[in-house]
Amino acid sequence: MICPKCKYHDTRVLDSRDTNENREIRRRRACNQCNYRFTTFERVEYTNFVVVKKDQSREPYDRQKLEVGIWKACEKRPITVEQVSNLMDRLEEKWSNYGKEVPSKVLGEDVMNGLKEVDEVAYIRFASVYRQFKDIETFKRELQKLLD
């Protein structure tokens, strides 16, 4: 592991702990040159698949890209980093069972359903962008579904 401060190529592990319901290992490390301490996380990579978009183009799945969209929907809401991380982990585990290609529609619907469980306002925000609400009537119909 390369030191993020001095870029030295050799570090040592000071402590390792299981986190996130034993799905990750948190490691405290120290640089052997400058003694800078930092934390790394190790997790199983479920994300080795390609997203098939509406126009049938394909692109590698990018967790960070999807997470940014989720955080925009969760902006100024009482949602923790752990909640979003757990949601992403559960969804990636599910999507990895689809095989090498996962339709973007599946990703969008699953994220919306996951957000509905976490925070209804974040769900509506994400849905409004994902479903491209064109007018207030579309918004009202989606809100009515939530209320029912």
N, C-alpha and C. Protein backbone atom coordinates (compact mmCIF):
# COMPACT_ATOMS: atom_id res chain seq x y z
N MET A 1 0.86 -1.18 0.00
CA MET A 1 0.00 0.00 0.00
C MET A 1 0.90 1.24 0.00
N ILE A 2 0.60 2.18 -0.87
CA ILE A 2 1.38 3.41 -0.97
C ILE A 2 0.87 4.43 0.04
N CYS A 3 1.79 5.10 0.71
CA CYS A 3 1.43 6.14 1.69
C CYS A 3 0.77 7.31 0.96
N PRO A 4 -0.42 7.75 1.40
CA PRO A 4 -1.08 8.88 0.73
C PRO A 4 -0.39 10.22 0.98
N LYS A 5 0.48 10.28 1.99
CA LYS A 5 1.15 11.54 2.31
C LYS A 5 2.47 11.69 1.56
N CYS A 6 3.38 10.72 1.73
CA CYS A 6 4.71 10.85 1.14
C CYS A 6 4.92 9.96 -0.08
N LYS A 7 3.96 9.11 -0.40
CA LYS A 7 3.99 8.22 -1.57
C LYS A 7 5.03 7.10 -1.47
N TYR A 8 5.52 6.86 -0.26
CA TYR A 8 6.45 5.75 -0.06
C TYR A 8 5.69 4.44 -0.30
N HIS A 9 6.35 3.45 -0.85
CA HIS A 9 5.69 2.22 -1.29
C HIS A 9 5.50 1.15 -0.21
N ASP A 10 5.96 1.41 1.01
CA ASP A 10 5.88 0.36 2.03
C ASP A 10 5.19 0.87 3.29
N THR A 11 4.12 0.20 3.69
CA THR A 11 3.40 0.53 4.92
C THR A 11 3.19 -0.74 5.71
N ARG A 12 2.85 -0.57 6.96
CA ARG A 12 2.58 -1.74 7.81
C ARG A 12 1.17 -1.62 8.39
N VAL A 13 0.57 -2.77 8.67
CA VAL A 13 -0.77 -2.81 9.26
C VAL A 13 -0.63 -2.79 10.78
N LEU A 14 -1.31 -1.84 11.41
CA LEU A 14 -1.28 -1.73 12.87
C LEU A 14 -2.43 -2.48 13.52
N ASP A 15 -3.58 -2.48 12.84
CA ASP A 15 -4.78 -3.09 13.42
C ASP A 15 -5.75 -3.45 12.30
N SER A 16 -6.43 -4.58 12.42
CA SER A 16 -7.46 -5.00 11.46
C SER A 16 -8.73 -5.35 12.21
N ARG A 17 -9.87 -4.90 11.67
CA ARG A 17 -11.17 -5.21 12.29
C ARG A 17 -12.21 -5.43 11.21
N ASP A 18 -13.13 -6.35 11.50
CA ASP A 18 -14.27 -6.55 10.61
C ASP A 18 -15.26 -5.43 10.83
N THR A 19 -15.85 -4.92 9.75
CA THR A 19 -16.87 -3.88 9.84
C THR A 19 -17.99 -4.20 8.86
N ASN A 20 -19.04 -3.40 8.93
CA ASN A 20 -20.15 -3.51 8.00
C ASN A 20 -20.69 -4.94 7.93
N GLU A 21 -21.05 -5.47 9.09
CA GLU A 21 -21.60 -6.82 9.22
C GLU A 21 -20.68 -7.87 8.62
N ASN A 22 -19.39 -7.75 8.89
CA ASN A 22 -18.35 -8.66 8.42
C ASN A 22 -18.20 -8.68 6.91
N ARG A 23 -18.62 -7.61 6.23
CA ARG A 23 -18.47 -7.53 4.78
C ARG A 23 -17.21 -6.76 4.39
N GLU A 24 -16.60 -6.07 5.34
CA GLU A 24 -15.39 -5.28 5.07
C GLU A 24 -14.38 -5.50 6.18
N ILE A 25 -13.13 -5.25 5.84
CA ILE A 25 -12.07 -5.25 6.85
C ILE A 25 -11.48 -3.85 6.88
N ARG A 26 -11.47 -3.26 8.07
CA ARG A 26 -10.89 -1.93 8.27
C ARG A 26 -9.48 -2.13 8.79
N ARG A 27 -8.52 -1.51 8.12
CA ARG A 27 -7.12 -1.65 8.52
C ARG A 27 -6.53 -0.28 8.85
N ARG A 28 -5.92 -0.17 10.02
CA ARG A 28 -5.14 1.01 10.38
C ARG A 28 -3.72 0.73 9.93
N ARG A 29 -3.15 1.64 9.19
CA ARG A 29 -1.82 1.46 8.64
C ARG A 29 -0.91 2.61 9.03
N ALA A 30 0.39 2.36 8.94
CA ALA A 30 1.38 3.41 9.18
C ALA A 30 2.47 3.28 8.12
N CYS A 31 2.92 4.43 7.65
CA CYS A 31 3.99 4.47 6.65
C CYS A 31 5.32 4.14 7.33
N ASN A 32 6.13 3.32 6.69
CA ASN A 32 7.44 2.96 7.25
C ASN A 32 8.47 4.06 7.09
N GLN A 33 8.16 5.09 6.30
CA GLN A 33 9.10 6.19 6.12
C GLN A 33 8.73 7.41 6.95
N CYS A 34 7.50 7.90 6.83
CA CYS A 34 7.13 9.15 7.52
C CYS A 34 6.24 8.91 8.74
N ASN A 35 5.86 7.67 8.99
CA ASN A 35 5.00 7.27 10.12
C ASN A 35 3.58 7.84 10.06
N TYR A 36 3.16 8.34 8.91
CA TYR A 36 1.78 8.83 8.74
C TYR A 36 0.83 7.66 8.91
N ARG A 37 -0.25 7.89 9.68
CA ARG A 37 -1.25 6.85 9.91
C ARG A 37 -2.49 7.12 9.08
N PHE A 38 -3.04 6.05 8.50
CA PHE A 38 -4.25 6.18 7.69
C PHE A 38 -5.04 4.88 7.75
N THR A 39 -6.27 4.94 7.26
CA THR A 39 -7.18 3.80 7.31
C THR A 39 -7.52 3.35 5.89
N THR A 40 -7.56 2.04 5.69
CA THR A 40 -8.02 1.48 4.42
C THR A 40 -9.15 0.51 4.70
N PHE A 41 -9.95 0.26 3.69
CA PHE A 41 -11.04 -0.70 3.79
C PHE A 41 -10.90 -1.72 2.67
N GLU A 42 -11.13 -2.97 3.02
CA GLU A 42 -11.05 -4.05 2.04
C GLU A 42 -12.41 -4.73 2.00
N ARG A 43 -12.96 -4.90 0.78
CA ARG A 43 -14.25 -5.56 0.65
C ARG A 43 -14.27 -6.41 -0.61
N VAL A 44 -15.18 -7.35 -0.65
CA VAL A 44 -15.36 -8.19 -1.83
C VAL A 44 -15.88 -7.32 -2.95
N GLU A 45 -15.33 -7.49 -4.13
CA GLU A 45 -15.77 -6.69 -5.27
C GLU A 45 -16.90 -7.42 -5.99
N TYR A 46 -18.10 -6.87 -5.85
CA TYR A 46 -19.27 -7.41 -6.54
C TYR A 46 -19.50 -6.71 -7.86
N THR A 47 -18.72 -5.71 -8.15
CA THR A 47 -19.05 -4.76 -9.20
C THR A 47 -18.41 -5.06 -10.55
N ASN A 48 -18.16 -6.30 -10.84
CA ASN A 48 -17.52 -6.63 -12.10
C ASN A 48 -18.58 -6.92 -13.16
N PHE A 49 -19.38 -5.88 -13.50
CA PHE A 49 -20.39 -6.06 -14.54
C PHE A 49 -20.53 -4.79 -15.36
N VAL A 50 -21.26 -4.91 -16.44
CA VAL A 50 -21.46 -3.82 -17.37
C VAL A 50 -22.92 -3.39 -17.31
N VAL A 51 -23.16 -2.09 -17.38
CA VAL A 51 -24.52 -1.55 -17.36
C VAL A 51 -24.98 -1.37 -18.81
N VAL A 52 -26.16 -1.95 -19.11
CA VAL A 52 -26.75 -1.80 -20.44
C VAL A 52 -27.74 -0.64 -20.35
N LYS A 53 -27.45 0.44 -21.07
CA LYS A 53 -28.25 1.65 -21.00
C LYS A 53 -29.48 1.54 -21.91
N LYS A 54 -30.38 2.53 -21.81
CA LYS A 54 -31.63 2.52 -22.60
C LYS A 54 -31.37 2.42 -24.09
N ASP A 55 -30.32 3.09 -24.57
CA ASP A 55 -30.01 3.08 -26.01
C ASP A 55 -29.18 1.86 -26.42
N GLN A 56 -29.07 0.88 -25.52
CA GLN A 56 -28.34 -0.36 -25.71
C GLN A 56 -26.81 -0.18 -25.71
N SER A 57 -26.33 1.01 -25.40
CA SER A 57 -24.88 1.18 -25.22
C SER A 57 -24.50 0.56 -23.88
N ARG A 58 -23.24 0.28 -23.73
CA ARG A 58 -22.76 -0.38 -22.52
C ARG A 58 -21.61 0.41 -21.92
N GLU A 59 -21.57 0.42 -20.58
CA GLU A 59 -20.45 1.05 -19.88
C GLU A 59 -20.20 0.29 -18.59
N PRO A 60 -18.95 0.25 -18.14
CA PRO A 60 -18.64 -0.45 -16.88
C PRO A 60 -19.40 0.21 -15.71
N TYR A 61 -19.85 -0.63 -14.80
CA TYR A 61 -20.53 -0.12 -13.61
C TYR A 61 -19.54 0.71 -12.80
N ASP A 62 -20.01 1.86 -12.32
CA ASP A 62 -19.18 2.77 -11.53
C ASP A 62 -19.92 3.10 -10.24
N ARG A 63 -19.49 2.48 -9.15
CA ARG A 63 -20.15 2.69 -7.85
C ARG A 63 -20.18 4.16 -7.48
N GLN A 64 -19.08 4.83 -7.69
CA GLN A 64 -18.97 6.23 -7.28
C GLN A 64 -19.99 7.10 -8.03
N LYS A 65 -20.18 6.85 -9.30
CA LYS A 65 -21.13 7.62 -10.11
C LYS A 65 -22.55 7.47 -9.56
N LEU A 66 -22.93 6.24 -9.25
CA LEU A 66 -24.26 5.99 -8.71
C LEU A 66 -24.40 6.58 -7.31
N GLU A 67 -23.36 6.46 -6.52
CA GLU A 67 -23.39 6.98 -5.15
C GLU A 67 -23.56 8.50 -5.13
N VAL A 68 -22.93 9.19 -6.09
CA VAL A 68 -23.09 10.65 -6.19
C VAL A 68 -24.55 11.00 -6.43
N GLY A 69 -25.22 10.25 -7.32
CA GLY A 69 -26.64 10.48 -7.59
C GLY A 69 -27.50 10.25 -6.37
N ILE A 70 -27.18 9.21 -5.61
CA ILE A 70 -27.93 8.92 -4.39
C ILE A 70 -27.74 10.04 -3.38
N TRP A 71 -26.49 10.51 -3.23
CA TRP A 71 -26.22 11.58 -2.26
C TRP A 71 -26.92 12.88 -2.65
N LYS A 72 -27.06 13.14 -3.94
CA LYS A 72 -27.80 14.33 -4.36
C LYS A 72 -29.25 14.23 -3.93
N ALA A 73 -29.82 13.05 -4.04
CA ALA A 73 -31.21 12.84 -3.61
C ALA A 73 -31.34 12.94 -2.10
N CYS A 74 -30.29 12.62 -1.38
CA CYS A 74 -30.31 12.61 0.09
C CYS A 74 -29.85 13.93 0.70
N GLU A 75 -29.53 14.90 -0.14
CA GLU A 75 -29.00 16.16 0.35
C GLU A 75 -29.92 16.81 1.38
N LYS A 76 -29.34 17.25 2.49
CA LYS A 76 -30.04 17.92 3.59
C LYS A 76 -31.11 17.04 4.23
N ARG A 77 -30.92 15.72 4.16
CA ARG A 77 -31.81 14.76 4.80
C ARG A 77 -31.03 14.06 5.90
N PRO A 78 -31.71 13.53 6.93
CA PRO A 78 -31.01 12.87 8.04
C PRO A 78 -30.59 11.44 7.69
N ILE A 79 -29.72 11.33 6.71
CA ILE A 79 -29.27 10.02 6.24
C ILE A 79 -27.78 9.92 6.47
N THR A 80 -27.35 8.78 7.01
CA THR A 80 -25.94 8.60 7.37
C THR A 80 -25.16 7.96 6.22
N VAL A 81 -23.86 8.12 6.29
CA VAL A 81 -22.97 7.49 5.32
C VAL A 81 -23.15 5.97 5.39
N GLU A 82 -23.33 5.46 6.59
CA GLU A 82 -23.50 4.02 6.78
C GLU A 82 -24.76 3.51 6.09
N GLN A 83 -25.85 4.28 6.15
CA GLN A 83 -27.09 3.87 5.48
C GLN A 83 -26.89 3.77 3.97
N VAL A 84 -26.23 4.76 3.38
CA VAL A 84 -26.00 4.75 1.94
C VAL A 84 -25.03 3.61 1.58
N SER A 85 -24.00 3.44 2.37
CA SER A 85 -23.03 2.37 2.11
C SER A 85 -23.70 0.99 2.18
N ASN A 86 -24.54 0.79 3.19
CA ASN A 86 -25.25 -0.49 3.33
C ASN A 86 -26.20 -0.71 2.16
N LEU A 87 -26.89 0.34 1.74
CA LEU A 87 -27.79 0.24 0.59
C LEU A 87 -27.00 -0.16 -0.66
N MET A 88 -25.89 0.52 -0.90
CA MET A 88 -25.06 0.21 -2.07
C MET A 88 -24.54 -1.23 -2.02
N ASP A 89 -24.09 -1.66 -0.86
CA ASP A 89 -23.57 -3.02 -0.72
C ASP A 89 -24.64 -4.06 -1.02
N ARG A 90 -25.84 -3.85 -0.46
CA ARG A 90 -26.95 -4.80 -0.71
C ARG A 90 -27.31 -4.85 -2.19
N LEU A 91 -27.39 -3.69 -2.81
CA LEU A 91 -27.76 -3.64 -4.22
C LEU A 91 -26.67 -4.26 -5.10
N GLU A 92 -25.42 -3.97 -4.84
CA GLU A 92 -24.34 -4.55 -5.64
C GLU A 92 -24.31 -6.07 -5.52
N GLU A 93 -24.59 -6.56 -4.32
CA GLU A 93 -24.64 -8.01 -4.12
C GLU A 93 -25.76 -8.61 -4.97
N LYS A 94 -26.90 -7.95 -5.00
CA LYS A 94 -28.04 -8.40 -5.81
C LYS A 94 -27.70 -8.36 -7.30
N TRP A 95 -27.11 -7.24 -7.75
CA TRP A 95 -26.82 -7.06 -9.17
C TRP A 95 -25.75 -8.03 -9.65
N SER A 96 -24.84 -8.43 -8.78
CA SER A 96 -23.79 -9.36 -9.20
C SER A 96 -24.37 -10.71 -9.59
N ASN A 97 -25.59 -11.02 -9.12
CA ASN A 97 -26.25 -12.28 -9.47
C ASN A 97 -26.87 -12.26 -10.86
N TYR A 98 -26.94 -11.08 -11.49
CA TYR A 98 -27.50 -10.97 -12.84
C TYR A 98 -26.53 -11.46 -13.90
N GLY A 99 -25.26 -11.53 -13.60
CA GLY A 99 -24.27 -11.93 -14.58
C GLY A 99 -23.40 -10.76 -15.00
N LYS A 100 -22.91 -10.81 -16.23
CA LYS A 100 -21.96 -9.81 -16.72
C LYS A 100 -22.63 -8.50 -17.13
N GLU A 101 -23.92 -8.52 -17.46
CA GLU A 101 -24.62 -7.32 -17.90
C GLU A 101 -25.89 -7.11 -17.09
N VAL A 102 -26.09 -5.87 -16.64
CA VAL A 102 -27.28 -5.52 -15.86
C VAL A 102 -27.94 -4.30 -16.53
N PRO A 103 -29.23 -4.38 -16.86
CA PRO A 103 -29.91 -3.24 -17.48
C PRO A 103 -29.97 -2.04 -16.52
N SER A 104 -29.80 -0.85 -17.06
CA SER A 104 -29.85 0.36 -16.24
C SER A 104 -31.22 0.51 -15.57
N LYS A 105 -32.26 0.00 -16.21
CA LYS A 105 -33.60 0.06 -15.63
C LYS A 105 -33.65 -0.70 -14.30
N VAL A 106 -32.97 -1.84 -14.23
CA VAL A 106 -32.92 -2.63 -12.99
C VAL A 106 -32.22 -1.82 -11.90
N LEU A 107 -31.09 -1.19 -12.26
CA LEU A 107 -30.35 -0.39 -11.29
C LEU A 107 -31.23 0.75 -10.76
N GLY A 108 -31.86 1.49 -11.66
CA GLY A 108 -32.69 2.63 -11.26
C GLY A 108 -33.85 2.23 -10.37
N GLU A 109 -34.56 1.18 -10.76
CA GLU A 109 -35.71 0.72 -9.96
C GLU A 109 -35.27 0.22 -8.59
N ASP A 110 -34.16 -0.52 -8.55
CA ASP A 110 -33.67 -1.04 -7.27
C ASP A 110 -33.22 0.09 -6.35
N VAL A 111 -32.56 1.11 -6.91
CA VAL A 111 -32.13 2.24 -6.09
C VAL A 111 -33.36 2.97 -5.55
N MET A 112 -34.36 3.17 -6.39
CA MET A 112 -35.58 3.85 -5.92
C MET A 112 -36.25 3.06 -4.81
N ASN A 113 -36.37 1.74 -4.97
CA ASN A 113 -36.98 0.92 -3.92
C ASN A 113 -36.17 0.95 -2.63
N GLY A 114 -34.85 0.95 -2.77
CA GLY A 114 -33.99 1.04 -1.58
C GLY A 114 -34.12 2.37 -0.88
N LEU A 115 -34.19 3.44 -1.66
CA LEU A 115 -34.34 4.78 -1.06
C LEU A 115 -35.70 4.94 -0.41
N LYS A 116 -36.70 4.28 -0.95
CA LYS A 116 -38.04 4.36 -0.36
C LYS A 116 -38.01 3.84 1.08
N GLU A 117 -37.19 2.81 1.33
CA GLU A 117 -37.06 2.26 2.68
C GLU A 117 -36.26 3.18 3.60
N VAL A 118 -35.30 3.92 3.02
CA VAL A 118 -34.41 4.76 3.82
C VAL A 118 -35.04 6.12 4.11
N ASP A 119 -35.57 6.79 3.07
CA ASP A 119 -36.12 8.13 3.25
C ASP A 119 -37.03 8.45 2.06
N GLU A 120 -38.28 8.76 2.35
CA GLU A 120 -39.27 8.98 1.29
C GLU A 120 -38.98 10.23 0.47
N VAL A 121 -38.43 11.27 1.09
CA VAL A 121 -38.10 12.49 0.35
C VAL A 121 -36.96 12.20 -0.63
N ALA A 122 -35.95 11.47 -0.19
CA ALA A 122 -34.85 11.10 -1.07
C ALA A 122 -35.36 10.24 -2.23
N TYR A 123 -36.31 9.37 -1.92
CA TYR A 123 -36.93 8.53 -2.96
C TYR A 123 -37.59 9.40 -4.02
N ILE A 124 -38.40 10.37 -3.61
CA ILE A 124 -39.10 11.25 -4.55
C ILE A 124 -38.09 12.05 -5.38
N ARG A 125 -37.05 12.54 -4.73
CA ARG A 125 -36.03 13.31 -5.46
C ARG A 125 -35.35 12.46 -6.53
N PHE A 126 -34.96 11.23 -6.13
CA PHE A 126 -34.28 10.35 -7.09
C PHE A 126 -35.24 9.98 -8.22
N ALA A 127 -36.48 9.66 -7.86
CA ALA A 127 -37.48 9.27 -8.86
C ALA A 127 -37.74 10.41 -9.84
N SER A 128 -37.75 11.64 -9.35
CA SER A 128 -38.04 12.77 -10.24
C SER A 128 -36.98 12.93 -11.32
N VAL A 129 -35.74 12.60 -10.99
CA VAL A 129 -34.67 12.67 -11.99
C VAL A 129 -34.68 11.41 -12.84
N TYR A 130 -34.76 10.24 -12.20
CA TYR A 130 -34.70 8.97 -12.91
C TYR A 130 -35.87 8.82 -13.89
N ARG A 131 -37.06 9.16 -13.45
CA ARG A 131 -38.25 9.02 -14.30
C ARG A 131 -38.53 10.27 -15.13
N GLN A 132 -37.70 11.27 -14.98
CA GLN A 132 -37.78 12.49 -15.76
C GLN A 132 -39.19 13.10 -15.72
N PHE A 133 -39.63 13.44 -14.51
CA PHE A 133 -40.94 14.07 -14.36
C PHE A 133 -41.00 15.31 -15.25
N LYS A 134 -42.01 15.38 -16.09
CA LYS A 134 -42.14 16.48 -17.03
C LYS A 134 -43.05 17.59 -16.52
N ASP A 135 -43.97 17.21 -15.62
CA ASP A 135 -44.91 18.21 -15.12
C ASP A 135 -45.36 17.82 -13.71
N ILE A 136 -46.18 18.66 -13.12
CA ILE A 136 -46.65 18.44 -11.75
C ILE A 136 -47.56 17.23 -11.63
N GLU A 137 -48.28 16.90 -12.70
CA GLU A 137 -49.18 15.74 -12.68
C GLU A 137 -48.40 14.44 -12.52
N THR A 138 -47.29 14.32 -13.21
CA THR A 138 -46.44 13.13 -13.08
C THR A 138 -45.92 13.03 -11.65
N PHE A 139 -45.53 14.15 -11.10
CA PHE A 139 -45.04 14.20 -9.73
C PHE A 139 -46.15 13.78 -8.76
N LYS A 140 -47.35 14.29 -8.98
CA LYS A 140 -48.48 13.96 -8.09
C LYS A 140 -48.82 12.48 -8.15
N ARG A 141 -48.75 11.88 -9.34
CA ARG A 141 -49.04 10.44 -9.47
C ARG A 141 -48.02 9.62 -8.67
N GLU A 142 -46.75 9.98 -8.77
CA GLU A 142 -45.71 9.25 -8.03
C GLU A 142 -45.89 9.42 -6.53
N LEU A 143 -46.24 10.62 -6.12
CA LEU A 143 -46.48 10.89 -4.70
C LEU A 143 -47.70 10.11 -4.21
N GLN A 144 -48.72 10.00 -5.04
CA GLN A 144 -49.91 9.23 -4.66
C GLN A 144 -49.59 7.76 -4.47
N LYS A 145 -48.72 7.21 -5.34
CA LYS A 145 -48.28 5.82 -5.18
C LYS A 145 -47.61 5.63 -3.82
N LEU A 146 -46.80 6.60 -3.44
CA LEU A 146 -46.10 6.53 -2.16
C LEU A 146 -47.08 6.57 -0.99
N LEU A 147 -48.10 7.41 -1.12
CA LEU A 147 -49.09 7.54 -0.05
C LEU A 147 -49.98 6.30 0.08
N ASP A 148 -50.21 5.61 -1.04
CA ASP A 148 -51.05 4.39 -1.02
C ASP A 148 -50.27 3.24 -0.49
